[in-house]
Amino acid sequence: MVVTAVFENLGRTAARAQGYPELPLLALPHPMESRPEAEVRAIARQRFDELIGLIAEEV
């Protein structure tokens, strides 16, 4: 699950409530929508490998 930092606890709570307490979660900086596109792309590039690693994890 990908969330912004402000919603990290909510994301974990939702995952637990749906029966996925160990669901990998990637928290990005908050807010994202007000950042310039170039900055969002830079964050995406910086965190891409981490995201792929989380997707590849066995839960």
C-alpha atoms as a PDB file:
ATOM      1  CA  MET A   1       0.000   0.000   0.000  1.00  0.00           C
ATOM      2  CA  VAL A   2       1.276   3.462  -0.821  1.00  0.00           C
ATOM      3  CA  VAL A   3       0.185   6.365   1.364  1.00  0.00           C
ATOM      4  CA  THR A   4       1.524   9.721   2.388  1.00  0.00           C
ATOM      5  CA  ALA A   5       3.115  10.003   5.815  1.00  0.00           C
ATOM      6  CA  VAL A   6       0.058  11.649   7.369  1.00  0.00           C
ATOM      7  CA  PHE A   7      -2.032   8.591   6.495  1.00  0.00           C
ATOM      8  CA  GLU A   8       0.456   5.901   7.507  1.00  0.00           C
ATOM      9  CA  ASN A   9      -1.385   4.962  10.713  1.00  0.00           C
ATOM     10  CA  LEU A  10      -4.721   4.952   8.902  1.00  0.00           C
ATOM     11  CA  GLY A  11      -3.281   2.713   6.195  1.00  0.00           C
ATOM     12  CA  ARG A  12      -1.961   0.245   8.759  1.00  0.00           C
ATOM     13  CA  THR A  13      -5.290   0.267  10.607  1.00  0.00           C
ATOM     14  CA  ALA A  14      -7.205  -0.335   7.370  1.00  0.00           C
ATOM     15  CA  ALA A  15      -4.881  -3.173   6.385  1.00  0.00           C
ATOM     16  CA  ARG A  16      -5.342  -4.852   9.773  1.00  0.00           C
ATOM     17  CA  ALA A  17      -9.122  -4.402   9.591  1.00  0.00           C
ATOM     18  CA  GLN A  18      -9.163  -6.118   6.198  1.00  0.00           C
ATOM     19  CA  GLY A  19      -7.132  -9.042   7.506  1.00  0.00           C
ATOM     20  CA  TYR A  20      -3.714  -7.962   6.200  1.00  0.00           C
ATOM     21  CA  PRO A  21      -1.789  -6.929   9.314  1.00  0.00           C
ATOM     22  CA  GLU A  22       1.574  -7.521   7.627  1.00  0.00           C
ATOM     23  CA  LEU A  23       0.737  -5.695   4.388  1.00  0.00           C
ATOM     24  CA  PRO A  24       3.839  -3.807   3.248  1.00  0.00           C
ATOM     25  CA  LEU A  25       3.335  -0.056   3.338  1.00  0.00           C
ATOM     26  CA  LEU A  26       5.333   2.702   1.691  1.00  0.00           C
ATOM     27  CA  ALA A  27       4.830   6.158   3.192  1.00  0.00           C
ATOM     28  CA  LEU A  28       5.684   9.059   0.910  1.00  0.00           C
ATOM     29  CA  PRO A  29       6.077  12.695   1.973  1.00  0.00           C
ATOM     30  CA  HIS A  30       2.898  14.643   2.603  1.00  0.00           C
ATOM     31  CA  PRO A  31       1.365  16.390   0.794  1.00  0.00           C
ATOM     32  CA  MET A  32       2.074  15.190  -2.721  1.00  0.00           C
ATOM     33  CA  GLU A  33      -0.596  17.031  -4.711  1.00  0.00           C
ATOM     34  CA  SER A  34       0.860  20.478  -4.082  1.00  0.00           C
ATOM     35  CA  ARG A  35       4.393  19.532  -5.109  1.00  0.00           C
ATOM     36  CA  PRO A  36       5.686  20.437  -8.550  1.00  0.00           C
ATOM     37  CA  GLU A  37       5.621  17.567 -11.024  1.00  0.00           C
ATOM     38  CA  ALA A  38       9.415  17.460 -11.169  1.00  0.00           C
ATOM     39  CA  GLU A  39       9.594  16.960  -7.404  1.00  0.00           C
ATOM     40  CA  VAL A  40       6.958  14.206  -7.471  1.00  0.00           C
ATOM     41  CA  ARG A  41       8.885  12.461 -10.232  1.00  0.00           C
ATOM     42  CA  ALA A  42      12.112  12.772  -8.239  1.00  0.00           C
ATOM     43  CA  ILE A  43      10.447  11.237  -5.173  1.00  0.00           C
ATOM     44  CA  ALA A  44       9.079   8.431  -7.348  1.00  0.00           C
ATOM     45  CA  ARG A  45      12.533   7.713  -8.757  1.00  0.00           C
ATOM     46  CA  GLN A  46      14.095   7.778  -5.292  1.00  0.00           C
ATOM     47  CA  ARG A  47      11.537   5.389  -3.798  1.00  0.00           C
ATOM     48  CA  PHE A  48      10.952   3.094  -6.798  1.00  0.00           C
ATOM     49  CA  ASP A  49      13.355   0.341  -5.743  1.00  0.00           C
ATOM     50  CA  GLU A  50      11.870   0.358  -2.254  1.00  0.00           C
ATOM     51  CA  LEU A  51       8.371  -0.016  -3.707  1.00  0.00           C
ATOM     52  CA  ILE A  52       9.423  -2.913  -5.920  1.00  0.00           C
ATOM     53  CA  GLY A  53      11.053  -4.561  -2.902  1.00  0.00           C
ATOM     54  CA  LEU A  54       7.829  -4.257  -0.917  1.00  0.00           C
ATOM     55  CA  ILE A  55       5.783  -5.684  -3.774  1.00  0.00           C
ATOM     56  CA  ALA A  56       8.161  -8.626  -4.068  1.00  0.00           C
ATOM     57  CA  GLU A  57       8.030  -9.442  -0.323  1.00  0.00           C
ATOM     58  CA  GLU A  58       6.181 -12.517   0.757  1.00  0.00           C
ATOM     59  CA  VAL A  59       3.532 -11.612   3.295  1.00  0.00           C
END
